[in-house]
Protein backbone atom coordinates (compact mmCIF):
# COMPACT_ATOMS: atom_id res chain seq x y z
CA MET A 1 -9.35 -18.00 2.75
CA ASN A 2 -8.65 -14.56 1.42
CA GLY A 3 -7.06 -11.99 3.70
CA PRO A 4 -8.13 -8.38 4.09
CA ASP A 5 -7.87 -6.00 1.15
CA PRO A 6 -4.57 -4.15 0.96
CA VAL A 7 -4.45 -0.61 2.28
CA PHE A 8 -2.59 1.96 0.17
CA ASP A 9 -0.85 4.52 2.35
CA GLY A 10 0.36 6.75 -0.53
CA VAL A 11 3.91 5.37 -0.52
CA GLY A 12 5.33 2.54 -2.56
CA PRO A 13 4.32 0.74 -5.76
CA GLY A 14 0.69 0.38 -4.72
CA SER A 15 0.08 4.08 -4.22
CA ARG A 16 -2.05 6.13 -6.59
CA VAL A 17 -0.89 9.75 -6.77
CA GLY A 18 -1.96 12.16 -9.49
CA ASP A 19 0.60 14.14 -11.46
CA ARG A 20 -0.43 17.37 -9.73
CA ASP A 21 0.36 15.84 -6.33
CA LEU A 22 3.85 14.62 -7.23
CA ARG A 23 6.70 16.31 -5.39
CA VAL A 24 8.95 18.68 -7.36
CA SER A 25 12.73 19.02 -7.24
CA ASP A 26 14.98 22.08 -7.02
CA ALA A 27 15.85 21.60 -10.70
CA GLU A 28 12.15 21.89 -11.65
CA ARG A 29 11.74 25.01 -9.51
CA GLU A 30 14.82 26.55 -11.15
CA HIS A 31 13.50 25.71 -14.62
CA VAL A 32 10.18 27.39 -13.85
CA GLY A 33 12.12 30.41 -12.58
CA GLU A 34 13.89 30.64 -15.95
CA LEU A 35 10.51 30.52 -17.73
CA LEU A 36 9.29 33.38 -15.55
CA GLN A 37 12.44 35.38 -16.35
CA ARG A 38 11.76 34.82 -20.04
CA ALA A 39 8.18 36.04 -19.56
CA VAL A 40 9.48 39.28 -18.01
CA GLY A 41 11.82 39.80 -20.94
CA LEU A 42 8.88 39.37 -23.36
CA GLY A 43 6.73 41.84 -21.45
CA MET A 44 4.23 39.23 -20.20
CA LEU A 45 4.95 39.89 -16.51
CA SER A 46 5.83 42.98 -14.51
CA LEU A 47 8.67 42.94 -11.98
CA GLY A 48 6.13 42.84 -9.15
CA GLU A 49 4.36 39.86 -10.70
CA PHE A 50 7.68 38.13 -11.27
CA THR A 51 8.68 38.53 -7.61
CA GLU A 52 5.32 37.24 -6.38
CA ARG A 53 5.41 34.21 -8.67
CA MET A 54 9.04 33.45 -7.83
CA ASP A 55 8.11 33.35 -4.14
CA THR A 56 5.36 30.86 -4.97
CA ALA A 57 7.65 28.74 -7.17
CA LEU A 58 10.44 28.56 -4.58
CA ALA A 59 7.94 27.47 -1.91
CA ALA A 60 6.12 24.97 -4.16
CA LYS A 61 6.13 21.35 -3.00
CA THR A 62 3.95 19.72 -5.68
CA ARG A 63 3.56 20.02 -9.45
CA GLY A 64 0.14 21.57 -9.00
CA GLU A 65 1.57 24.36 -6.84
CA LEU A 66 4.46 24.90 -9.25
CA ASN A 67 2.23 24.94 -12.33
CA SER A 68 0.00 27.62 -10.80
CA VAL A 69 2.55 30.32 -11.69
CA LEU A 70 2.59 29.30 -15.38
CA VAL A 71 -1.05 28.56 -16.25
CA ASP A 72 -1.74 31.95 -17.91
CA LEU A 73 1.52 32.17 -19.88
CA PRO A 74 1.12 31.22 -23.56
CA GLY A 75 3.41 28.64 -25.13
CA VAL A 76 4.40 26.98 -21.84
CA ARG A 77 3.72 23.26 -21.32
CA LEU A 78 3.10 22.60 -17.67
CA VAL A 79 5.07 20.03 -15.71
CA GLY A 80 3.23 16.71 -15.92
CA GLU A 81 1.03 17.72 -18.88
CA PRO A 82 1.01 15.52 -22.02
CA ALA A 83 3.51 16.68 -24.62
CA ALA A 84 2.27 18.09 -27.92
CA ARG A 85 2.52 15.83 -30.94
CA HIS A 86 5.07 16.78 -33.57
CA PRO A 87 3.34 17.21 -36.97
CA ASN A 88 6.05 15.27 -38.81
CA HIS A 89 7.21 12.53 -36.50
CA GLY A 90 4.22 11.88 -34.26
CA LYS A 91 6.49 11.82 -31.22
CA PRO A 92 6.02 13.93 -28.09
CA ALA A 93 8.02 17.14 -27.99
CA PRO A 94 10.66 16.89 -25.26
CA LEU A 95 10.35 19.16 -22.25
CA PRO A 96 13.34 21.55 -22.04
CA GLN A 97 15.79 20.30 -19.46
CA PRO A 98 16.15 22.35 -16.27
CA GLY A 99 18.68 25.11 -16.79
CA ALA A 100 18.74 24.70 -20.59
CA GLY A 101 17.67 28.31 -21.11
CA ALA A 102 20.64 29.56 -19.14
CA ARG A 103 23.11 27.20 -20.79
CA SER A 104 22.03 28.13 -24.32
CA SER A 105 23.39 31.68 -23.90
CA LEU A 106 26.65 30.67 -22.24
CA SER A 107 29.37 28.92 -24.16
CA GLY A 108 31.31 25.99 -22.78
CA VAL A 109 30.70 23.54 -19.98
CA VAL A 110 30.97 24.66 -16.40
CA GLN A 111 33.78 22.69 -14.78
CA GLY A 112 34.36 24.82 -11.72
CA GLY A 113 32.40 26.63 -9.05
CA VAL A 114 28.76 27.62 -9.25
CA ILE A 115 27.39 30.63 -7.34
CA ARG A 116 23.59 30.59 -7.34
CA PRO A 117 22.05 32.95 -4.74
CA ARG A 118 18.33 33.67 -4.49
CA MET A 119 17.40 36.93 -2.74
CA SER A 120 20.70 36.71 -0.84
CA GLY A 121 24.16 38.19 -0.56
CA VAL A 122 27.36 36.28 -1.38
CA ASN A 123 30.91 37.42 -0.63
CA ARG A 124 34.10 35.58 -1.60
CA ARG A 125 37.15 37.13 0.07
CA GLY A 126 40.50 36.05 1.44
CA ASN A 127 42.33 32.88 0.37
CA TRP A 128 39.49 31.23 -1.54
CA GLN A 129 40.18 28.72 -4.30
CA VAL A 130 39.26 30.08 -7.74
CA ALA A 131 38.23 27.57 -10.40
CA PRO A 132 39.17 28.19 -14.06
CA VAL A 133 35.46 28.65 -14.82
CA LEU A 134 32.92 30.29 -12.52
CA ARG A 135 29.20 30.42 -13.12
CA VAL A 136 27.19 33.17 -11.43
CA ASN A 137 23.41 32.74 -11.60
CA SER A 138 21.76 35.33 -9.30
CA TRP A 139 18.16 36.37 -8.74
CA LEU A 140 17.50 39.50 -6.69
CA SER A 141 20.92 39.14 -5.04
CA GLY A 142 24.31 40.77 -4.58
CA VAL A 143 27.59 38.95 -5.30
CA THR A 144 31.09 40.23 -4.54
CA LEU A 145 34.13 38.28 -5.75
CA ASP A 146 37.42 39.58 -4.33
CA PHE A 147 40.44 38.16 -6.17
CA THR A 148 43.13 40.19 -4.37
CA GLN A 149 44.14 37.31 -2.04
CA ALA A 150 42.51 34.43 -3.89
CA VAL A 151 44.37 31.23 -4.77
CA MET A 152 44.59 31.07 -8.57
CA THR A 153 45.17 27.96 -10.68
CA THR A 154 45.15 29.72 -14.08
CA GLN A 155 45.98 33.18 -15.39
CA VAL A 156 42.66 33.52 -17.23
CA VAL A 157 39.40 32.96 -15.35
CA GLU A 158 36.14 32.71 -17.28
CA ILE A 159 33.02 34.02 -15.50
CA GLN A 160 29.70 33.00 -17.01
CA VAL A 161 26.91 35.29 -15.84
CA ASP A 162 23.14 34.78 -15.91
CA ASP A 163 21.74 37.41 -13.52
CA TYR A 164 18.35 38.99 -12.92
CA ALA A 165 17.85 42.13 -10.82
CA SER A 166 21.23 41.52 -9.15
CA SER A 167 24.63 43.16 -8.73
CA LEU A 168 28.03 41.59 -9.41
CA THR A 169 31.18 43.28 -8.08
CA LEU A 170 34.64 42.05 -9.09
CA VAL A 171 37.57 43.26 -6.96
CA VAL A 172 40.94 42.56 -8.60
CA PRO A 173 44.65 43.26 -7.89
CA GLN A 174 46.28 46.31 -9.45
CA GLU A 175 47.98 44.31 -12.24
CA ALA A 176 44.82 42.44 -13.27
CA THR A 177 42.75 43.02 -16.40
CA VAL A 178 39.02 42.49 -16.91
CA ASP A 179 37.09 42.03 -20.17
CA LEU A 180 33.37 42.85 -19.84
CA ASP A 181 32.66 43.21 -23.57
CA GLY A 182 30.92 39.82 -23.76
CA LEU A 183 28.00 40.84 -21.53
CA GLU A 184 24.49 41.14 -22.93
CA MET A 185 22.77 43.92 -20.99
CA VAL A 186 19.02 44.52 -20.64
CA GLY A 187 18.07 47.54 -18.53
CA SER A 188 21.43 47.19 -16.76
CA SER A 189 24.74 49.00 -16.21
CA VAL A 190 28.38 47.98 -16.50
CA ASN A 191 31.31 49.89 -14.98
CA ASN A 192 34.87 48.74 -15.64
CA LYS A 193 37.32 50.74 -13.50
CA VAL A 194 40.38 48.61 -14.38
CA ARG A 195 42.33 47.79 -17.52
CA SER A 196 40.40 45.73 -20.04
CA GLY A 197 43.26 43.75 -21.55
CA PRO A 198 45.10 42.08 -23.17
CA PRO A 199 45.97 39.62 -20.37
CA ILE A 200 49.48 40.81 -19.50
CA GLY A 201 49.33 40.51 -15.71
CA PRO A 202 48.88 37.59 -13.32
CA LEU A 203 45.07 37.61 -13.68
CA HIS A 204 42.65 38.22 -16.53
CA LEU A 205 38.88 37.89 -16.04
CA LEU A 206 36.81 37.08 -19.11
CA VAL A 207 33.19 37.88 -18.27
CA HIS A 208 30.25 37.08 -20.54
CA GLY A 209 26.57 36.16 -20.40
CA ARG A 210 23.32 37.98 -19.60
CA VAL A 211 22.48 40.68 -17.07
CA ARG A 212 18.86 41.85 -16.80
CA PHE A 213 17.94 44.86 -14.65
CA GLY A 214 21.21 44.61 -12.73
CA SER A 215 24.80 45.85 -12.66
CA VAL A 216 28.37 44.61 -13.07
CA THR A 217 31.35 46.51 -11.65
CA ALA A 218 35.07 45.69 -11.90
CA LYS A 219 37.38 47.67 -9.62
CA GLN A 220 40.53 47.60 -7.50
CA PRO A 221 40.49 47.63 -3.69
CA PHE A 222 39.62 50.94 -2.05
CA MET A 223 43.12 51.54 -0.68
CA ALA A 224 44.74 50.77 -4.03
CA HIS A 225 42.63 53.53 -5.60
CA TRP A 226 43.84 56.08 -3.03
CA ARG A 227 47.47 54.97 -3.32
CA ARG A 228 47.28 55.55 -7.06
CA LEU A 229 45.79 59.02 -6.58
CA LEU A 230 48.55 59.91 -4.09
CA GLY A 231 51.26 58.59 -6.42
CA HIS A 232 52.40 55.68 -4.20
C-alpha cells in the first residue's frame, strides 16, 4: 500500500526553486557593485542612479532582486542566466569571479588586512598591527589610517586602493615617506604633505590602485606640523 505523496517544503534535495529565487552571497553582491562602478565610469549611470542601485544590491536577498539593478546595462550577463556560447570552442563563457575587476588593477596577492567599508567610517589608531600589505576597498566611506603608534612588521607597507566616492587619510610619523605616484585618479584629488621617498626612514608607504571621485591625503600628526613651524 502506497503512502501519501511527499510534500516539498522548499528545503532539501526535493525542493524546486527557480534561479531567480536562489539566495545570493556577499561575494555576489560585491561583484554586482563592481559592475555598477564600471557602468558609472563608462557614463551609463549617474552618481544618483549608482547610489540607488547600490542600496538595492546591498539589500538584495535573491538573484532576481540582485539582477534587477543590471537588467538595462548592455554587455552584462545576469546571475543565473545561461552563458553565451563561444564561437570557437562551443563552451560557455565563464562568469567573472567576484572581485576580479578590482584584482585586475592591483598587482600582487593580498596577504594582510582588508578594509572594506560601505557608507561607513573606519579609523585605525593606536597600537594596531600593520600587515605588510593592506587592501582598502571603500564605497561612499571615509578611512583614516594612523601609523604614528602602529606596530610595524616591515619597513615598507604596500597599500592597494580601490575606492569610489571615498576619502583615504594616511597619518605617518615625521621620519616616514609616502609614495602616491602609483594611484590612478578619476575625478579625484591627491595631497601628499610628507616626503615621497626613497624609503630612508623607519616607514615607507607604497600606495597604488584606483580612486574614483574621492581623495587621498598623506600627512603628519597635527602637533608635529606645528612643532616644525615653531622650529622644535
